[in-house]
Structure formats: structure tokens, C-alpha cells
């Protein structure tokens, strides 16, 4: 099973197109989106080619494989325009012998983990910074940000055969 894991698109048609090209190249079985899909948020400058209406059909073409959780920038109006659920605060996925907990990261984060079974993988976005660390017995992974990275590179994650690897979306 192959998953592509991304977060923090923030309505950028430019960077969403880069993500879509990677999706086409990688052909994942599932696309896990960790929130902040359409809106840029009041703390962020407008991202490159800010066009949430253009991002909607780009993401919608993958609706059959998307599992998305709510970010701090999602609102009920987003659910009205997206053909896949996007308002759950968290989700659990079991794949390749791993228990994956998906959330955006603005409530639960590596310093405030939810109760999880030992050996779980905690996937979150929100900080716009890539992370791969173990806290106690929980592996904490952040794919970074597709659009507004705070660590210098636009990125996402691939999970394949139980192994995680970062992918950088450069110009």
C-alpha cells in the first residue's frame, strides 16, 4: 500500500499543481491530507497564485482516494465545495502493520499527544516544518507544507511498504 501525505496547501493553485504532478508520478493508493487546504489564514501572506476555486477541482479529481482531516483554517463552507469529507478533527488508518493517527496539529501535537497505542505513528501538519522524531514510543511525522514552508522546502511524505520518505516539491 502506498500513501502520499500532504498538509497546508492554503489555496495555492501553483503549489497544488506541483502536488498533483507528484500524485500522478507516484500513483498512491491513498492521499492523506492533514488540513488547511483552501484558505490561507489570517496569519499568512497570500501564497503564490492564491486561487482556492482553482484548487477545488485539482483536489476533487482524487476524491476517491482522499482521506482528509480539518485544519485550523477549514470552515463549513469548505465542506460545501469539496466532494470529500474534510471536517473530522482526526482519523485513524491501519496499513502495512502501522497504526496511523492523522490530525492537523493545532490541538494535538508531539508535546500534547492524544492517548495512542505504543508504536503508533502520529501524522500532523500545522507547523509547516518537516519532522520525523520519536516521542516515547510514538513516531511523530510532519510532511512540512506544500505551499508555505517554514523550513525552506515545499514538501510532502510518501509511505510505502512501511517506510516513510520526504518528497520535495521544488520549482
N, C-alpha and C. Protein backbone atom coordinates (compact mmCIF):
# COMPACT_ATOMS: atom_id res chain seq x y z
N UNK A 1 0.85 -1.17 0.00
CA UNK A 1 0.00 0.00 0.00
C UNK A 1 0.89 1.24 0.00
N UNK A 2 0.53 2.22 -0.81
CA UNK A 2 1.31 3.45 -0.93
C UNK A 2 0.42 4.65 -0.61
N UNK A 3 0.88 5.49 0.33
CA UNK A 3 0.17 6.70 0.71
C UNK A 3 1.02 7.92 0.39
N UNK A 4 0.39 8.97 -0.10
CA UNK A 4 1.03 10.28 -0.20
C UNK A 4 0.37 11.14 0.87
N UNK A 5 1.17 11.78 1.70
CA UNK A 5 0.68 12.54 2.85
C UNK A 5 1.11 14.00 2.67
N UNK A 6 0.12 14.91 2.68
CA UNK A 6 0.41 16.32 2.45
C UNK A 6 -0.39 17.20 3.40
N UNK A 7 0.09 18.40 3.62
CA UNK A 7 -0.58 19.34 4.51
C UNK A 7 -0.34 20.77 4.03
N UNK A 8 -1.23 21.63 4.43
CA UNK A 8 -1.04 23.08 4.30
C UNK A 8 -0.85 23.54 2.86
N UNK A 9 -1.86 23.26 2.04
CA UNK A 9 -1.89 23.74 0.65
C UNK A 9 -2.29 25.22 0.62
N UNK A 10 -3.12 25.63 1.52
CA UNK A 10 -3.51 27.03 1.71
C UNK A 10 -3.96 27.75 0.44
N UNK A 11 -4.67 27.04 -0.44
CA UNK A 11 -5.30 27.67 -1.59
C UNK A 11 -4.38 28.07 -2.73
N UNK A 12 -3.14 27.60 -2.73
CA UNK A 12 -2.20 27.97 -3.80
C UNK A 12 -2.38 27.04 -5.00
N UNK A 13 -2.89 27.57 -6.09
CA UNK A 13 -3.05 26.77 -7.31
C UNK A 13 -1.69 26.35 -7.85
N UNK A 14 -0.70 27.20 -7.74
CA UNK A 14 0.64 26.88 -8.23
C UNK A 14 1.21 25.64 -7.52
N UNK A 15 1.21 25.65 -6.19
CA UNK A 15 1.81 24.55 -5.44
C UNK A 15 0.91 23.32 -5.44
N UNK A 16 -0.40 23.51 -5.53
CA UNK A 16 -1.29 22.36 -5.65
C UNK A 16 -1.04 21.63 -6.97
N UNK A 17 -0.78 22.39 -8.03
CA UNK A 17 -0.45 21.76 -9.32
C UNK A 17 0.83 20.93 -9.20
N UNK A 18 1.83 21.45 -8.48
CA UNK A 18 3.07 20.69 -8.26
C UNK A 18 2.76 19.40 -7.49
N UNK A 19 1.88 19.50 -6.50
CA UNK A 19 1.48 18.32 -5.74
C UNK A 19 0.76 17.33 -6.65
N UNK A 20 -0.13 17.81 -7.49
CA UNK A 20 -0.86 16.92 -8.41
C UNK A 20 0.09 16.19 -9.36
N UNK A 21 1.12 16.86 -9.82
CA UNK A 21 2.11 16.20 -10.68
C UNK A 21 2.81 15.06 -9.93
N UNK A 22 3.10 15.30 -8.66
CA UNK A 22 3.73 14.26 -7.86
C UNK A 22 2.75 13.10 -7.63
N UNK A 23 1.50 13.41 -7.39
CA UNK A 23 0.48 12.36 -7.23
C UNK A 23 0.43 11.51 -8.48
N UNK A 24 0.43 12.13 -9.63
CA UNK A 24 0.39 11.39 -10.89
C UNK A 24 1.64 10.53 -11.07
N UNK A 25 2.78 11.05 -10.67
CA UNK A 25 4.03 10.29 -10.80
C UNK A 25 4.09 9.13 -9.81
N UNK A 26 3.65 9.34 -8.59
CA UNK A 26 3.75 8.33 -7.53
C UNK A 26 2.61 7.33 -7.55
N UNK A 27 1.45 7.72 -8.07
CA UNK A 27 0.26 6.84 -8.12
C UNK A 27 -0.04 6.18 -6.76
N UNK A 28 -0.29 7.01 -5.72
CA UNK A 28 -0.57 6.42 -4.40
C UNK A 28 -1.95 5.76 -4.36
N UNK A 29 -2.09 4.79 -3.46
CA UNK A 29 -3.39 4.16 -3.22
C UNK A 29 -4.31 5.09 -2.45
N UNK A 30 -3.73 5.90 -1.55
CA UNK A 30 -4.49 6.86 -0.74
C UNK A 30 -3.73 8.17 -0.69
N UNK A 31 -4.49 9.25 -0.63
CA UNK A 31 -3.95 10.60 -0.45
C UNK A 31 -4.45 11.09 0.90
N UNK A 32 -3.54 11.25 1.85
CA UNK A 32 -3.89 11.69 3.20
C UNK A 32 -3.58 13.18 3.30
N UNK A 33 -4.63 13.99 3.54
CA UNK A 33 -4.48 15.44 3.62
C UNK A 33 -4.70 15.88 5.06
N UNK A 34 -3.71 16.58 5.62
CA UNK A 34 -3.71 16.94 7.03
C UNK A 34 -4.17 18.36 7.31
N UNK A 35 -5.04 18.89 6.46
CA UNK A 35 -5.70 20.16 6.74
C UNK A 35 -5.10 21.39 6.09
N UNK A 36 -5.84 22.49 6.26
CA UNK A 36 -5.53 23.80 5.67
C UNK A 36 -5.39 23.70 4.15
N UNK A 37 -6.49 23.30 3.52
CA UNK A 37 -6.49 23.03 2.09
C UNK A 37 -6.74 24.28 1.24
N UNK A 38 -7.77 25.08 1.58
CA UNK A 38 -8.20 26.15 0.69
C UNK A 38 -7.87 27.56 1.15
N UNK A 39 -7.96 27.83 2.43
CA UNK A 39 -7.82 29.20 2.92
C UNK A 39 -6.40 29.46 3.40
N UNK A 40 -5.91 30.67 3.18
CA UNK A 40 -4.53 31.00 3.57
C UNK A 40 -4.40 31.32 5.06
N UNK A 41 -5.48 31.73 5.70
CA UNK A 41 -5.44 32.05 7.12
C UNK A 41 -4.99 33.48 7.38
N UNK A 42 -5.42 34.06 8.48
CA UNK A 42 -5.13 35.46 8.77
C UNK A 42 -3.68 35.74 9.15
N UNK A 43 -2.92 34.70 9.52
CA UNK A 43 -1.52 34.92 9.91
C UNK A 43 -0.55 34.79 8.76
N UNK A 44 -1.04 34.30 7.61
CA UNK A 44 -0.16 34.06 6.46
C UNK A 44 -0.37 35.12 5.38
N UNK A 45 0.70 35.48 4.70
CA UNK A 45 0.55 36.29 3.50
C UNK A 45 -0.12 35.44 2.44
N UNK A 46 -0.69 36.09 1.43
CA UNK A 46 -1.28 35.33 0.33
C UNK A 46 -0.18 34.52 -0.35
N UNK A 47 -0.42 33.21 -0.52
CA UNK A 47 0.61 32.39 -1.18
C UNK A 47 0.61 32.63 -2.69
N UNK A 48 1.63 32.12 -3.34
CA UNK A 48 1.77 32.24 -4.78
C UNK A 48 0.53 31.67 -5.48
N UNK A 49 0.00 32.43 -6.43
CA UNK A 49 -1.20 32.02 -7.19
C UNK A 49 -2.32 31.56 -6.28
N UNK A 50 -2.64 32.40 -5.28
CA UNK A 50 -3.73 32.09 -4.36
C UNK A 50 -5.04 32.06 -5.14
N UNK A 51 -5.62 30.87 -5.25
CA UNK A 51 -6.85 30.68 -6.04
C UNK A 51 -7.58 29.45 -5.51
N UNK A 52 -8.21 29.56 -4.34
CA UNK A 52 -8.91 28.40 -3.78
C UNK A 52 -9.91 27.76 -4.75
N UNK A 53 -10.58 28.56 -5.57
CA UNK A 53 -11.54 27.99 -6.53
C UNK A 53 -10.84 27.11 -7.55
N UNK A 54 -9.59 27.38 -7.86
CA UNK A 54 -8.83 26.53 -8.79
C UNK A 54 -8.32 25.27 -8.09
N UNK A 55 -8.06 25.35 -6.79
CA UNK A 55 -7.57 24.20 -6.03
C UNK A 55 -8.68 23.15 -5.87
N UNK A 56 -9.91 23.59 -5.77
CA UNK A 56 -11.04 22.68 -5.57
C UNK A 56 -11.08 21.56 -6.62
N UNK A 57 -11.10 21.87 -7.93
CA UNK A 57 -11.12 20.77 -8.90
C UNK A 57 -9.83 19.95 -8.95
N UNK A 58 -8.71 20.59 -8.63
CA UNK A 58 -7.45 19.83 -8.60
C UNK A 58 -7.51 18.73 -7.56
N UNK A 59 -7.97 19.06 -6.36
CA UNK A 59 -8.07 18.05 -5.31
C UNK A 59 -9.24 17.10 -5.57
N UNK A 60 -10.34 17.64 -6.09
CA UNK A 60 -11.55 16.84 -6.29
C UNK A 60 -11.34 15.67 -7.23
N UNK A 61 -10.41 15.79 -8.17
CA UNK A 61 -10.17 14.68 -9.09
C UNK A 61 -9.66 13.43 -8.36
N UNK A 62 -9.18 13.60 -7.13
CA UNK A 62 -8.67 12.48 -6.33
C UNK A 62 -9.62 12.09 -5.20
N UNK A 63 -10.86 12.55 -5.27
CA UNK A 63 -11.80 12.34 -4.17
C UNK A 63 -11.96 10.88 -3.77
N UNK A 64 -11.78 9.95 -4.71
CA UNK A 64 -11.95 8.53 -4.40
C UNK A 64 -10.84 7.99 -3.49
N UNK A 65 -9.70 8.66 -3.45
CA UNK A 65 -8.59 8.15 -2.64
C UNK A 65 -8.23 9.07 -1.47
N UNK A 66 -8.94 10.19 -1.32
CA UNK A 66 -8.60 11.18 -0.27
C UNK A 66 -9.20 10.80 1.07
N UNK A 67 -8.36 10.93 2.10
CA UNK A 67 -8.81 10.96 3.48
C UNK A 67 -8.24 12.26 4.05
N UNK A 68 -9.13 13.18 4.44
CA UNK A 68 -8.69 14.50 4.89
C UNK A 68 -9.18 14.78 6.31
N UNK A 69 -8.37 15.51 7.05
CA UNK A 69 -8.78 16.00 8.37
C UNK A 69 -8.80 17.52 8.34
N UNK A 70 -9.49 18.07 9.30
CA UNK A 70 -9.71 19.51 9.39
C UNK A 70 -8.48 20.22 9.95
N UNK A 71 -8.09 21.30 9.27
CA UNK A 71 -7.05 22.17 9.79
C UNK A 71 -7.66 23.34 10.52
N UNK A 72 -6.83 24.21 11.06
CA UNK A 72 -7.37 25.38 11.76
C UNK A 72 -7.93 26.42 10.80
N UNK A 73 -7.69 26.28 9.50
CA UNK A 73 -8.24 27.21 8.51
C UNK A 73 -9.48 26.67 7.79
N UNK A 74 -9.87 25.41 8.04
CA UNK A 74 -11.07 24.86 7.40
C UNK A 74 -12.32 25.42 8.05
N UNK A 75 -13.37 25.56 7.24
CA UNK A 75 -14.67 26.02 7.73
C UNK A 75 -15.75 25.19 7.06
N UNK A 76 -16.95 25.29 7.55
CA UNK A 76 -18.06 24.52 6.98
C UNK A 76 -18.26 24.83 5.51
N UNK A 77 -17.95 26.04 5.08
CA UNK A 77 -18.10 26.39 3.67
C UNK A 77 -17.16 25.57 2.80
N UNK A 78 -16.00 25.19 3.34
CA UNK A 78 -15.08 24.34 2.58
C UNK A 78 -15.72 22.99 2.26
N UNK A 79 -16.44 22.44 3.24
CA UNK A 79 -17.10 21.17 3.01
C UNK A 79 -18.19 21.29 1.96
N UNK A 80 -18.76 22.48 1.82
CA UNK A 80 -19.80 22.69 0.82
C UNK A 80 -19.26 22.64 -0.61
N UNK A 81 -17.97 22.90 -0.79
CA UNK A 81 -17.39 22.93 -2.14
C UNK A 81 -16.47 21.75 -2.45
N UNK A 82 -16.11 20.98 -1.44
CA UNK A 82 -15.24 19.83 -1.65
C UNK A 82 -16.06 18.54 -1.63
N UNK A 83 -15.85 17.64 -2.58
CA UNK A 83 -16.66 16.41 -2.66
C UNK A 83 -16.13 15.25 -1.82
N UNK A 84 -15.31 15.54 -0.83
CA UNK A 84 -14.80 14.54 0.10
C UNK A 84 -14.86 15.13 1.50
N UNK A 85 -15.06 14.30 2.53
CA UNK A 85 -15.11 14.83 3.89
C UNK A 85 -13.80 15.51 4.29
N UNK A 86 -13.92 16.68 4.94
CA UNK A 86 -12.72 17.41 5.34
C UNK A 86 -12.84 18.06 6.71
N UNK A 87 -13.87 17.71 7.48
CA UNK A 87 -14.08 18.40 8.75
C UNK A 87 -13.86 17.53 9.99
N UNK A 88 -13.36 16.32 9.84
CA UNK A 88 -13.05 15.49 11.01
C UNK A 88 -11.78 16.02 11.67
N UNK A 89 -11.79 16.07 12.98
CA UNK A 89 -10.60 16.56 13.70
C UNK A 89 -9.45 15.57 13.63
N UNK A 90 -9.76 14.28 13.47
CA UNK A 90 -8.72 13.28 13.41
C UNK A 90 -9.25 12.05 12.68
N UNK A 91 -8.35 11.16 12.32
CA UNK A 91 -8.71 9.89 11.69
C UNK A 91 -7.64 8.87 12.05
N UNK A 92 -8.04 7.62 12.06
CA UNK A 92 -7.11 6.52 12.27
C UNK A 92 -7.09 5.66 11.01
N UNK A 93 -5.90 5.26 10.62
CA UNK A 93 -5.72 4.39 9.46
C UNK A 93 -4.76 3.28 9.88
N UNK A 94 -5.06 2.06 9.45
CA UNK A 94 -4.19 0.92 9.71
C UNK A 94 -3.69 0.41 8.38
N UNK A 95 -2.37 0.42 8.20
CA UNK A 95 -1.79 -0.02 6.93
C UNK A 95 -0.37 -0.51 7.15
N UNK A 96 0.02 -1.53 6.43
CA UNK A 96 1.38 -2.05 6.47
C UNK A 96 1.85 -2.34 7.89
N UNK A 97 0.92 -2.80 8.74
CA UNK A 97 1.25 -3.10 10.13
C UNK A 97 1.41 -1.88 11.01
N UNK A 98 1.06 -0.70 10.50
CA UNK A 98 1.19 0.55 11.25
C UNK A 98 -0.18 1.09 11.63
N UNK A 99 -0.25 1.69 12.79
CA UNK A 99 -1.43 2.41 13.24
C UNK A 99 -1.13 3.90 13.09
N UNK A 100 -1.81 4.54 12.14
CA UNK A 100 -1.57 5.95 11.83
C UNK A 100 -2.67 6.81 12.41
N UNK A 101 -2.30 7.84 13.14
CA UNK A 101 -3.25 8.82 13.67
C UNK A 101 -3.03 10.11 12.90
N UNK A 102 -4.07 10.60 12.22
CA UNK A 102 -3.99 11.81 11.40
C UNK A 102 -4.70 12.96 12.10
N UNK A 103 -4.05 14.10 12.16
CA UNK A 103 -4.66 15.31 12.69
C UNK A 103 -3.90 16.50 12.10
N UNK A 104 -4.43 17.70 12.31
CA UNK A 104 -3.73 18.86 11.75
C UNK A 104 -2.55 19.28 12.63
N UNK A 105 -2.74 19.24 13.92
CA UNK A 105 -1.63 19.59 14.82
C UNK A 105 -1.85 20.84 15.63
N UNK A 106 -2.97 21.52 15.45
CA UNK A 106 -3.21 22.73 16.23
C UNK A 106 -3.82 22.42 17.59
N UNK A 107 -4.34 21.22 17.80
CA UNK A 107 -4.82 20.81 19.12
C UNK A 107 -3.86 19.78 19.71
N UNK A 108 -3.73 18.65 19.03
CA UNK A 108 -2.74 17.66 19.46
C UNK A 108 -1.49 17.82 18.62
N UNK A 109 -0.34 17.62 19.28
CA UNK A 109 0.96 17.76 18.63
C UNK A 109 1.96 16.91 19.41
N UNK A 110 3.20 16.85 19.00
CA UNK A 110 4.15 15.97 19.71
C UNK A 110 4.32 16.30 21.20
N UNK A 111 4.07 17.54 21.59
CA UNK A 111 4.16 17.90 23.00
C UNK A 111 2.85 17.65 23.73
N UNK A 112 1.78 17.37 22.99
CA UNK A 112 0.46 17.13 23.57
C UNK A 112 -0.21 16.01 22.77
N UNK A 113 0.35 14.82 22.89
CA UNK A 113 -0.15 13.68 22.11
C UNK A 113 -1.46 13.16 22.69
N UNK A 114 -2.35 12.69 21.83
CA UNK A 114 -3.55 12.01 22.32
C UNK A 114 -3.14 10.63 22.84
N UNK A 115 -4.01 9.97 23.59
CA UNK A 115 -3.67 8.60 24.02
C UNK A 115 -3.64 7.67 22.82
N UNK A 116 -2.49 7.13 22.53
CA UNK A 116 -2.30 6.24 21.38
C UNK A 116 -1.62 4.96 21.83
N UNK A 117 -1.90 3.86 21.14
CA UNK A 117 -1.19 2.61 21.45
C UNK A 117 0.31 2.76 21.19
N UNK A 118 1.10 2.06 21.95
CA UNK A 118 2.55 2.08 21.73
C UNK A 118 2.86 1.70 20.30
N UNK A 119 3.85 2.39 19.73
CA UNK A 119 4.27 2.09 18.37
C UNK A 119 3.45 2.78 17.29
N UNK A 120 2.47 3.60 17.69
CA UNK A 120 1.65 4.32 16.71
C UNK A 120 2.48 5.37 15.99
N UNK A 121 1.94 5.83 14.87
CA UNK A 121 2.54 6.93 14.11
C UNK A 121 1.57 8.10 14.17
N UNK A 122 2.06 9.23 14.64
CA UNK A 122 1.27 10.45 14.77
C UNK A 122 1.62 11.36 13.59
N UNK A 123 0.67 11.56 12.67
CA UNK A 123 0.88 12.40 11.49
C UNK A 123 0.17 13.72 11.68
N UNK A 124 0.91 14.82 11.50
CA UNK A 124 0.32 16.14 11.70
C UNK A 124 0.98 17.16 10.79
N UNK A 125 0.30 18.28 10.60
CA UNK A 125 0.83 19.39 9.81
C UNK A 125 0.96 20.61 10.70
N UNK A 126 0.39 21.71 10.28
CA UNK A 126 0.23 22.96 11.02
C UNK A 126 1.51 23.78 11.20
N UNK A 127 2.63 23.18 11.54
CA UNK A 127 3.84 23.96 11.82
C UNK A 127 4.57 24.37 10.55
N UNK A 128 4.28 23.71 9.43
CA UNK A 128 4.93 23.97 8.14
C UNK A 128 6.41 23.61 8.18
N UNK A 129 6.78 22.72 9.08
CA UNK A 129 8.16 22.29 9.24
C UNK A 129 8.19 20.76 9.24
N UNK A 130 9.03 20.17 8.39
CA UNK A 130 9.17 18.72 8.35
C UNK A 130 9.68 18.20 9.70
N UNK A 131 9.16 17.02 10.08
CA UNK A 131 9.62 16.40 11.33
C UNK A 131 9.53 14.89 11.19
N UNK A 132 10.49 14.22 11.77
CA UNK A 132 10.47 12.77 11.95
C UNK A 132 11.20 12.49 13.25
N UNK A 133 10.45 12.39 14.34
CA UNK A 133 11.01 12.19 15.68
C UNK A 133 10.19 11.16 16.43
N UNK A 134 10.80 10.53 17.41
CA UNK A 134 10.09 9.61 18.28
C UNK A 134 9.92 10.27 19.64
N UNK A 135 8.66 10.28 20.11
CA UNK A 135 8.34 10.82 21.44
C UNK A 135 7.76 9.66 22.25
N UNK A 136 8.52 9.20 23.23
CA UNK A 136 8.12 8.00 23.96
C UNK A 136 8.18 6.83 22.98
N UNK A 137 7.05 6.19 22.76
CA UNK A 137 7.01 5.09 21.78
C UNK A 137 6.26 5.49 20.52
N UNK A 138 5.96 6.78 20.37
CA UNK A 138 5.16 7.27 19.25
C UNK A 138 6.07 7.99 18.24
N UNK A 139 6.00 7.55 17.00
CA UNK A 139 6.74 8.23 15.93
C UNK A 139 5.91 9.41 15.44
N UNK A 140 6.48 10.60 15.47
CA UNK A 140 5.79 11.83 15.07
C UNK A 140 6.37 12.30 13.74
N UNK A 141 5.47 12.42 12.75
CA UNK A 141 5.90 12.84 11.41
C UNK A 141 5.06 14.01 10.94
N UNK A 142 5.74 15.00 10.40
CA UNK A 142 5.09 16.15 9.79
C UNK A 142 5.64 16.25 8.37
N UNK A 143 4.76 16.27 7.35
CA UNK A 143 5.24 16.35 5.97
C UNK A 143 5.78 17.72 5.58
N UNK A 144 5.68 18.70 6.48
CA UNK A 144 6.01 20.08 6.11
C UNK A 144 4.82 20.69 5.41
N UNK A 145 5.06 21.72 4.64
CA UNK A 145 3.98 22.43 3.96
C UNK A 145 4.16 22.36 2.44
N UNK A 146 3.05 22.09 1.76
CA UNK A 146 3.08 22.13 0.30
C UNK A 146 3.35 23.56 -0.16
N UNK A 147 2.74 24.55 0.50
CA UNK A 147 2.72 25.92 -0.02
C UNK A 147 3.55 26.93 0.75
N UNK A 148 3.50 26.91 2.07
CA UNK A 148 4.15 27.95 2.87
C UNK A 148 5.13 27.30 3.85
N UNK A 149 6.24 26.75 3.34
CA UNK A 149 7.18 26.08 4.24
C UNK A 149 7.91 27.07 5.14
N UNK A 150 8.14 26.66 6.36
CA UNK A 150 8.91 27.48 7.28
C UNK A 150 10.29 26.88 7.52
N UNK A 151 10.63 25.87 6.70
CA UNK A 151 11.95 25.25 6.80
C UNK A 151 12.68 25.28 5.46
N UNK A 152 12.16 26.05 4.52
CA UNK A 152 12.88 26.26 3.27
C UNK A 152 12.50 25.39 2.10
N UNK A 153 11.71 24.31 2.29
CA UNK A 153 11.38 23.48 1.14
C UNK A 153 9.91 23.04 1.18
N UNK A 154 9.24 23.19 0.06
CA UNK A 154 7.87 22.74 -0.13
C UNK A 154 7.90 21.22 -0.17
N UNK A 155 7.09 20.55 0.65
CA UNK A 155 7.29 19.11 0.79
C UNK A 155 6.02 18.35 1.15
N UNK A 156 6.14 17.02 1.06
CA UNK A 156 5.11 16.07 1.49
C UNK A 156 5.83 14.78 1.86
N UNK A 157 5.06 13.75 2.22
CA UNK A 157 5.61 12.46 2.62
C UNK A 157 5.05 11.34 1.75
N UNK A 158 5.81 10.30 1.60
CA UNK A 158 5.35 9.06 0.99
C UNK A 158 5.51 7.96 2.05
N UNK A 159 4.48 7.13 2.18
CA UNK A 159 4.57 5.91 2.98
C UNK A 159 4.40 4.75 2.01
N UNK A 160 5.42 3.91 1.92
CA UNK A 160 5.35 2.76 1.04
C UNK A 160 6.06 1.59 1.70
N UNK A 161 5.37 0.46 1.77
CA UNK A 161 5.92 -0.75 2.38
C UNK A 161 6.43 -0.51 3.79
N UNK A 162 5.71 0.33 4.54
CA UNK A 162 6.07 0.60 5.93
C UNK A 162 7.18 1.60 6.13
N UNK A 163 7.68 2.19 5.04
CA UNK A 163 8.78 3.17 5.12
C UNK A 163 8.30 4.55 4.70
N UNK A 164 8.69 5.56 5.48
CA UNK A 164 8.36 6.95 5.18
C UNK A 164 9.54 7.62 4.49
N UNK A 165 9.24 8.48 3.52
CA UNK A 165 10.29 9.29 2.90
C UNK A 165 9.69 10.63 2.48
N UNK A 166 10.47 11.68 2.66
CA UNK A 166 10.04 13.02 2.29
C UNK A 166 10.21 13.22 0.77
N UNK A 167 9.31 13.99 0.19
CA UNK A 167 9.44 14.41 -1.21
C UNK A 167 9.41 15.93 -1.21
N UNK A 168 10.33 16.53 -1.91
CA UNK A 168 10.41 17.98 -2.01
C UNK A 168 9.81 18.42 -3.35
N UNK A 169 8.93 19.41 -3.29
CA UNK A 169 8.27 19.97 -4.47
C UNK A 169 8.97 21.28 -4.81
N UNK A 170 10.00 21.21 -5.61
CA UNK A 170 10.75 22.44 -5.93
C UNK A 170 10.32 22.97 -7.28
N UNK A 171 10.65 24.23 -7.52
CA UNK A 171 10.32 24.88 -8.79
C UNK A 171 11.23 24.38 -9.89
